Structure formats: C-alpha cells, structure tokens
Amino acid sequence: MKVFILCYLSGNELEDIRVCIDFETAMKFLEKNLFIEPEWLFTESVTRLGFSRIDFLKSMSGTMINALLLRSDLLARQESLLGEKAFTLQNLIDDLYQNIFNDLTSGKTMSDFDRIQQNECLNSLLTILKKTDEAKSPEIMMYYNTMLTKISENSKIGALKATDSMTKNHLFSMVDVIQFWFTGDKKNILSSLN
C-alpha cells in the first residue's frame, strides 16, 4: 500500500491534511473529480453566481494542480521516511502525466477542458520551477524538467498530426513555452511552426 498526504486549499492558505490514505483510493478520487470535466458542477445555481464555465475550470484545475505540485518537497521527505510505502514525487509526476497529458501524441481534437488542464499544469510547473532553489532541491528540478521535456516532445508529435487549428495551436504553443523556459531565447517562440 502506498501512502499519500492529501492537500487542500482553505481560503488562501495551503494546509496539509495529515490524513494518510492508500494510493489507489487517492488516485481514484482525483481521476473521478479532477481529471475529467466536472459537468455536475455546472448547475444553474453555480452559474448564477457569475462564474463562467471556462473561468471555473481554470480556477479549479489551477488550484488542485498547484496544491499537488507545491508539496513536492513533502513527497521527497516522505519517500526518505517511508521508503516503498510512500507516494513518491515520481508517482505524482507519472499520474499527472497519465491523466493530463497522455493523449498528446494522438492528434485527436482536444476539448476546452483538456487544453485548460494542460495549460494550468504547465503554468504550475513553470511557476514552481522559478521558485525552487536548485541548490536545495536538484532532484525536484530534475523531475519537473524531465516532465517538461516529455510534454514538449509529445506535444510536437501531436501537433503535427492534429487536424483542427485549436489543438494544433495549443500543442505548438506548449512546445514554444517549454523551449523558451529551457533556452530563455524569445526567438524560439513559434519556432516549432517551421
């Protein structure tokens, strides 16, 4: 059994729920409630509050993905304390990739929700990398940089196969943002179109 410490957002402060649940239960919850579009949330009472569907999806995805990624230091510590029982940073990265980026190479048309989740995850990764002290956390930097490389490589494959312009542009823009992250050279922006 793997252990996962679930995080949640309370007001504006990230708090840890120091409740350990097994890995399978945690991932089933996230797959059911985060990684698919929550149509059940878009009731008339929610939309009357003034939230557009797109804004709500961005907020929900960004909040949940940030809550998960911001605890990478905790996952690294858990791994050293719990060994094989721990839910590791690699487990988190693998699960995020599987649930958010797995269809990149297919060339299939992506929904608004898929594009939003991918953008929010990419933004969260880049924000965390900007704030991470490489000297203190080189392994965290390596995990995330490896994930970025995989996203970029697979986005380019998918963009070349995509037949609709929204999906193609979305995938090429992720390639360009990641290339810019690695090189810092603005000339790389839109270079993937060549």
C-alpha atoms as a PDB file:
ATOM      1  CA  MET A   1       0.000   0.000   0.000  1.00  0.00           C
ATOM      2  CA  LYS A   2       1.357   3.446  -0.929  1.00  0.00           C
ATOM      3  CA  VAL A   3       0.763   6.476   1.271  1.00  0.00           C
ATOM      4  CA  PHE A   4      -0.467   9.813   0.018  1.00  0.00           C
ATOM      5  CA  ILE A   5      -0.876  13.018   2.030  1.00  0.00           C
ATOM      6  CA  LEU A   6      -3.803  14.885   0.532  1.00  0.00           C
ATOM      7  CA  CYS A   7      -3.597  18.671   0.301  1.00  0.00           C
ATOM      8  CA  TYR A   8      -6.422  21.140   0.039  1.00  0.00           C
ATOM      9  CA  LEU A   9      -6.894  24.875  -0.249  1.00  0.00           C
ATOM     10  CA  SER A  10      -8.593  26.672   2.632  1.00  0.00           C
ATOM     11  CA  GLY A  11      -9.151  30.339   1.935  1.00  0.00           C
ATOM     12  CA  ASN A  12      -5.805  31.455   0.565  1.00  0.00           C
ATOM     13  CA  GLU A  13      -3.630  29.197   2.661  1.00  0.00           C
ATOM     14  CA  LEU A  14      -2.465  25.757   1.671  1.00  0.00           C
ATOM     15  CA  GLU A  15      -2.914  23.377   4.565  1.00  0.00           C
ATOM     16  CA  ASP A  16      -1.905  19.758   4.855  1.00  0.00           C
ATOM     17  CA  ILE A  17      -4.468  17.253   5.910  1.00  0.00           C
ATOM     18  CA  ARG A  18      -2.260  14.872   7.800  1.00  0.00           C
ATOM     19  CA  VAL A  19      -4.518  12.007   6.901  1.00  0.00           C
ATOM     20  CA  CYS A  20      -2.883   9.131   5.135  1.00  0.00           C
ATOM     21  CA  ILE A  21      -4.955   7.135   2.691  1.00  0.00           C
ATOM     22  CA  ASP A  22      -3.899   4.424   0.348  1.00  0.00           C
ATOM     23  CA  PHE A  23      -2.625   5.381  -3.090  1.00  0.00           C
ATOM     24  CA  GLU A  24      -5.366   3.605  -5.045  1.00  0.00           C
ATOM     25  CA  THR A  25      -8.115   5.457  -3.153  1.00  0.00           C
ATOM     26  CA  ALA A  26      -6.426   8.822  -3.620  1.00  0.00           C
ATOM     27  CA  MET A  27      -5.928   8.361  -7.344  1.00  0.00           C
ATOM     28  CA  LYS A  28      -9.471   7.099  -7.888  1.00  0.00           C
ATOM     29  CA  PHE A  29     -10.768  10.220  -6.151  1.00  0.00           C
ATOM     30  CA  LEU A  30      -8.584  12.530  -8.258  1.00  0.00           C
ATOM     31  CA  GLU A  31      -9.358  10.704 -11.504  1.00  0.00           C
ATOM     32  CA  LYS A  32     -13.076  10.938 -10.787  1.00  0.00           C
ATOM     33  CA  ASN A  33     -13.125  14.534  -9.538  1.00  0.00           C
ATOM     34  CA  LEU A  34     -10.185  16.395 -11.062  1.00  0.00           C
ATOM     35  CA  PHE A  35      -9.027  14.773 -14.253  1.00  0.00           C
ATOM     36  CA  ILE A  36     -12.397  14.707 -16.031  1.00  0.00           C
ATOM     37  CA  GLU A  37     -14.639  17.674 -16.701  1.00  0.00           C
ATOM     38  CA  PRO A  38     -16.999  18.026 -13.723  1.00  0.00           C
ATOM     39  CA  GLU A  39     -20.247  18.566 -15.637  1.00  0.00           C
ATOM     40  CA  TRP A  40     -22.178  18.011 -12.417  1.00  0.00           C
ATOM     41  CA  LEU A  41     -20.813  21.338 -11.114  1.00  0.00           C
ATOM     42  CA  PHE A  42     -22.362  23.430 -13.844  1.00  0.00           C
ATOM     43  CA  THR A  43     -25.809  23.675 -12.345  1.00  0.00           C
ATOM     44  CA  GLU A  44     -27.975  26.747 -12.662  1.00  0.00           C
ATOM     45  CA  SER A  45     -27.260  27.713  -9.035  1.00  0.00           C
ATOM     46  CA  VAL A  46     -23.492  27.730  -9.701  1.00  0.00           C
ATOM     47  CA  THR A  47     -23.702  29.653 -12.963  1.00  0.00           C
ATOM     48  CA  ARG A  48     -25.980  32.217 -11.297  1.00  0.00           C
ATOM     49  CA  LEU A  49     -23.052  33.091  -9.037  1.00  0.00           C
ATOM     50  CA  GLY A  50     -21.381  34.653 -12.061  1.00  0.00           C
ATOM     51  CA  PHE A  51     -18.750  32.032 -12.828  1.00  0.00           C
ATOM     52  CA  SER A  52     -18.250  31.239 -16.480  1.00  0.00           C
ATOM     53  CA  ARG A  53     -17.576  27.599 -17.236  1.00  0.00           C
ATOM     54  CA  ILE A  54     -14.084  28.394 -18.583  1.00  0.00           C
ATOM     55  CA  ASP A  55     -13.109  30.598 -15.618  1.00  0.00           C
ATOM     56  CA  PHE A  56     -14.332  27.998 -13.177  1.00  0.00           C
ATOM     57  CA  LEU A  57     -12.414  25.203 -14.932  1.00  0.00           C
ATOM     58  CA  LYS A  58      -9.223  27.299 -14.923  1.00  0.00           C
ATOM     59  CA  SER A  59      -9.606  28.102 -11.248  1.00  0.00           C
ATOM     60  CA  MET A  60     -10.459  24.538 -10.243  1.00  0.00           C
ATOM     61  CA  SER A  61      -7.683  22.957 -12.317  1.00  0.00           C
ATOM     62  CA  GLY A  62      -5.074  25.518 -11.303  1.00  0.00           C
ATOM     63  CA  THR A  63      -5.922  25.265  -7.609  1.00  0.00           C
ATOM     64  CA  MET A  64      -5.862  21.469  -7.481  1.00  0.00           C
ATOM     65  CA  ILE A  65      -2.735  21.046  -9.610  1.00  0.00           C
ATOM     66  CA  ASN A  66      -0.882  23.723  -7.617  1.00  0.00           C
ATOM     67  CA  ALA A  67      -1.927  22.083  -4.368  1.00  0.00           C
ATOM     68  CA  LEU A  68      -0.438  18.804  -5.576  1.00  0.00           C
ATOM     69  CA  LEU A  69       2.757  20.189  -7.093  1.00  0.00           C
ATOM     70  CA  LEU A  70       3.534  22.586  -4.256  1.00  0.00           C
ATOM     71  CA  ARG A  71       4.025  19.651  -1.929  1.00  0.00           C
ATOM     72  CA  SER A  72       6.840  18.070  -3.915  1.00  0.00           C
ATOM     73  CA  ASP A  73       9.233  18.736  -1.050  1.00  0.00           C
ATOM     74  CA  LEU A  74       6.886  16.864   1.271  1.00  0.00           C
ATOM     75  CA  LEU A  75       6.735  13.921  -1.141  1.00  0.00           C
ATOM     76  CA  ALA A  76      10.534  13.815  -1.305  1.00  0.00           C
ATOM     77  CA  ARG A  77      10.710  13.747   2.526  1.00  0.00           C
ATOM     78  CA  GLN A  78       8.008  11.081   2.726  1.00  0.00           C
ATOM     79  CA  GLU A  79       9.974   8.883   0.369  1.00  0.00           C
ATOM     80  CA  SER A  80      13.045   9.068   2.561  1.00  0.00           C
ATOM     81  CA  LEU A  81      10.972   8.299   5.668  1.00  0.00           C
ATOM     82  CA  LEU A  82       8.540   5.693   4.343  1.00  0.00           C
ATOM     83  CA  GLY A  83      10.548   4.036   1.575  1.00  0.00           C
ATOM     84  CA  GLU A  84       8.469   1.811  -0.695  1.00  0.00           C
ATOM     85  CA  LYS A  85       5.249   2.654   1.178  1.00  0.00           C
ATOM     86  CA  ALA A  86       5.499   6.305   0.179  1.00  0.00           C
ATOM     87  CA  PHE A  87       3.625   8.022  -2.595  1.00  0.00           C
ATOM     88  CA  THR A  88       6.674   9.475  -4.334  1.00  0.00           C
ATOM     89  CA  LEU A  89       7.262  12.530  -6.454  1.00  0.00           C
ATOM     90  CA  GLN A  90       7.774  10.190  -9.409  1.00  0.00           C
ATOM     91  CA  ASN A  91       4.348   8.627  -8.672  1.00  0.00           C
ATOM     92  CA  LEU A  92       2.801  12.103  -8.712  1.00  0.00           C
ATOM     93  CA  ILE A  93       4.501  13.086 -11.974  1.00  0.00           C
ATOM     94  CA  ASP A  94       3.552   9.800 -13.630  1.00  0.00           C
ATOM     95  CA  ASP A  95      -0.071  10.126 -12.527  1.00  0.00           C
ATOM     96  CA  LEU A  96      -0.327  13.773 -13.578  1.00  0.00           C
ATOM     97  CA  TYR A  97       1.157  12.968 -16.963  1.00  0.00           C
ATOM     98  CA  GLN A  98      -1.103   9.942 -17.433  1.00  0.00           C
ATOM     99  CA  ASN A  99      -4.256  11.881 -16.541  1.00  0.00           C
ATOM    100  CA  ILE A 100      -3.490  15.263 -18.122  1.00  0.00           C
ATOM    101  CA  PHE A 101      -1.021  14.753 -20.979  1.00  0.00           C
ATOM    102  CA  ASN A 102      -1.424  11.121 -22.020  1.00  0.00           C
ATOM    103  CA  ASP A 103      -3.159  11.844 -25.360  1.00  0.00           C
ATOM    104  CA  LEU A 104      -0.670  14.430 -26.618  1.00  0.00           C
ATOM    105  CA  THR A 105       0.653  12.285 -29.464  1.00  0.00           C
ATOM    106  CA  SER A 106      -2.760  11.157 -30.739  1.00  0.00           C
ATOM    107  CA  GLY A 107      -3.550  14.263 -32.771  1.00  0.00           C
ATOM    108  CA  LYS A 108      -7.176  13.987 -31.585  1.00  0.00           C
ATOM    109  CA  THR A 109      -9.189  17.171 -31.133  1.00  0.00           C
ATOM    110  CA  MET A 110      -8.839  18.388 -27.551  1.00  0.00           C
ATOM    111  CA  SER A 111     -11.714  19.762 -25.515  1.00  0.00           C
ATOM    112  CA  ASP A 112     -11.573  23.115 -23.737  1.00  0.00           C
ATOM    113  CA  PHE A 113     -11.163  21.198 -20.503  1.00  0.00           C
ATOM    114  CA  ASP A 114      -8.157  19.210 -21.777  1.00  0.00           C
ATOM    115  CA  ARG A 115      -6.423  22.352 -23.025  1.00  0.00           C
ATOM    116  CA  ILE A 116      -7.181  24.227 -19.793  1.00  0.00           C
ATOM    117  CA  GLN A 117      -5.840  21.408 -17.624  1.00  0.00           C
ATOM    118  CA  GLN A 118      -2.694  21.133 -19.698  1.00  0.00           C
ATOM    119  CA  ASN A 119      -2.109  24.889 -19.604  1.00  0.00           C
ATOM    120  CA  GLU A 120      -2.732  25.066 -15.859  1.00  0.00           C
ATOM    121  CA  CYS A 121      -0.378  22.164 -15.186  1.00  0.00           C
ATOM    122  CA  LEU A 122       2.310  23.680 -17.419  1.00  0.00           C
ATOM    123  CA  ASN A 123       1.899  27.077 -15.721  1.00  0.00           C
ATOM    124  CA  SER A 124       2.099  25.461 -12.295  1.00  0.00           C
ATOM    125  CA  LEU A 125       5.238  23.517 -13.212  1.00  0.00           C
ATOM    126  CA  LEU A 126       6.974  26.624 -14.554  1.00  0.00           C
ATOM    127  CA  THR A 127       5.950  28.740 -11.564  1.00  0.00           C
ATOM    128  CA  ILE A 128       7.250  26.141  -9.124  1.00  0.00           C
ATOM    129  CA  LEU A 129      10.487  25.768 -11.084  1.00  0.00           C
ATOM    130  CA  LYS A 130      11.016  29.546 -10.956  1.00  0.00           C
ATOM    131  CA  LYS A 131      10.642  29.483  -7.168  1.00  0.00           C
ATOM    132  CA  THR A 132      12.631  26.294  -6.490  1.00  0.00           C
ATOM    133  CA  ASP A 133      16.119  26.735  -5.144  1.00  0.00           C
ATOM    134  CA  GLU A 134      18.109  24.437  -7.403  1.00  0.00           C
ATOM    135  CA  ALA A 135      20.908  24.113  -4.863  1.00  0.00           C
ATOM    136  CA  LYS A 136      18.480  22.864  -2.199  1.00  0.00           C
ATOM    137  CA  SER A 137      16.258  20.758  -4.443  1.00  0.00           C
ATOM    138  CA  PRO A 138      18.153  19.494  -7.504  1.00  0.00           C
ATOM    139  CA  GLU A 139      16.123  16.274  -7.637  1.00  0.00           C
ATOM    140  CA  ILE A 140      12.838  18.204  -7.744  1.00  0.00           C
ATOM    141  CA  MET A 141      14.176  20.366 -10.572  1.00  0.00           C
ATOM    142  CA  MET A 142      15.253  17.244 -12.461  1.00  0.00           C
ATOM    143  CA  TYR A 143      11.853  15.549 -12.078  1.00  0.00           C
ATOM    144  CA  TYR A 144       9.995  18.596 -13.376  1.00  0.00           C
ATOM    145  CA  ASN A 145      12.456  19.390 -16.167  1.00  0.00           C
ATOM    146  CA  THR A 146      12.182  15.779 -17.354  1.00  0.00           C
ATOM    147  CA  MET A 147       8.387  16.072 -17.355  1.00  0.00           C
ATOM    148  CA  LEU A 148       8.615  19.333 -19.340  1.00  0.00           C
ATOM    149  CA  THR A 149      10.870  17.672 -21.929  1.00  0.00           C
ATOM    150  CA  LYS A 150       8.406  14.789 -22.335  1.00  0.00           C
ATOM    151  CA  ILE A 151       5.469  17.214 -22.683  1.00  0.00           C
ATOM    152  CA  SER A 152       7.345  19.225 -25.310  1.00  0.00           C
ATOM    153  CA  GLU A 153       8.438  16.210 -27.373  1.00  0.00           C
ATOM    154  CA  ASN A 154       4.979  14.621 -27.332  1.00  0.00           C
ATOM    155  CA  SER A 155       3.199  17.935 -27.997  1.00  0.00           C
ATOM    156  CA  LYS A 156       5.211  18.406 -31.159  1.00  0.00           C
ATOM    157  CA  ILE A 157       4.301  14.897 -32.364  1.00  0.00           C
ATOM    158  CA  GLY A 158       0.619  15.536 -31.631  1.00  0.00           C
ATOM    159  CA  ALA A 159       0.625  18.983 -33.242  1.00  0.00           C
ATOM    160  CA  LEU A 160       1.969  17.551 -36.471  1.00  0.00           C
ATOM    161  CA  LYS A 161      -0.898  15.011 -36.504  1.00  0.00           C
ATOM    162  CA  ALA A 162      -3.677  17.372 -35.347  1.00  0.00           C
ATOM    163  CA  THR A 163      -6.242  18.379 -37.939  1.00  0.00           C
ATOM    164  CA  ASP A 164      -8.056  21.137 -36.033  1.00  0.00           C
ATOM    165  CA  SER A 165      -6.402  24.504 -35.523  1.00  0.00           C
ATOM    166  CA  MET A 166      -7.220  24.876 -31.791  1.00  0.00           C
ATOM    167  CA  THR A 167      -5.486  21.630 -30.879  1.00  0.00           C
ATOM    168  CA  LYS A 168      -2.572  22.248 -33.247  1.00  0.00           C
ATOM    169  CA  ASN A 169      -2.011  25.802 -31.917  1.00  0.00           C
ATOM    170  CA  HIS A 170      -2.364  24.689 -28.313  1.00  0.00           C
ATOM    171  CA  LEU A 171       0.229  21.931 -28.730  1.00  0.00           C
ATOM    172  CA  PHE A 172       2.681  24.113 -30.651  1.00  0.00           C
ATOM    173  CA  SER A 173       2.323  26.844 -28.016  1.00  0.00           C
ATOM    174  CA  MET A 174       3.233  24.376 -25.268  1.00  0.00           C
ATOM    175  CA  VAL A 175       6.327  23.366 -27.263  1.00  0.00           C
ATOM    176  CA  ASP A 176       7.320  27.016 -27.622  1.00  0.00           C
ATOM    177  CA  VAL A 177       6.722  27.923 -23.972  1.00  0.00           C
ATOM    178  CA  ILE A 178       8.829  24.963 -22.842  1.00  0.00           C
ATOM    179  CA  GLN A 179      11.603  25.759 -25.342  1.00  0.00           C
ATOM    180  CA  PHE A 180      11.618  29.327 -24.061  1.00  0.00           C
ATOM    181  CA  TRP A 181      11.811  28.012 -20.488  1.00  0.00           C
ATOM    182  CA  PHE A 182      14.898  25.956 -21.280  1.00  0.00           C
ATOM    183  CA  THR A 183      16.695  28.437 -23.528  1.00  0.00           C
ATOM    184  CA  GLY A 184      15.442  31.856 -22.414  1.00  0.00           C
ATOM    185  CA  ASP A 185      15.573  32.816 -26.087  1.00  0.00           C
ATOM    186  CA  LYS A 186      12.409  34.538 -27.306  1.00  0.00           C
ATOM    187  CA  LYS A 187      13.389  33.666 -30.874  1.00  0.00           C
ATOM    188  CA  ASN A 188      12.280  30.122 -30.011  1.00  0.00           C
ATOM    189  CA  ILE A 189       8.708  31.313 -29.641  1.00  0.00           C
ATOM    190  CA  LEU A 190       6.777  29.934 -32.615  1.00  0.00           C
ATOM    191  CA  SER A 191       9.886  28.203 -33.928  1.00  0.00           C
ATOM    192  CA  SER A 192       8.068  24.889 -33.766  1.00  0.00           C
ATOM    193  CA  LEU A 193       5.921  26.016 -36.690  1.00  0.00           C
ATOM    194  CA  ASN A 194       8.920  25.849 -39.022  1.00  0.00           C
END
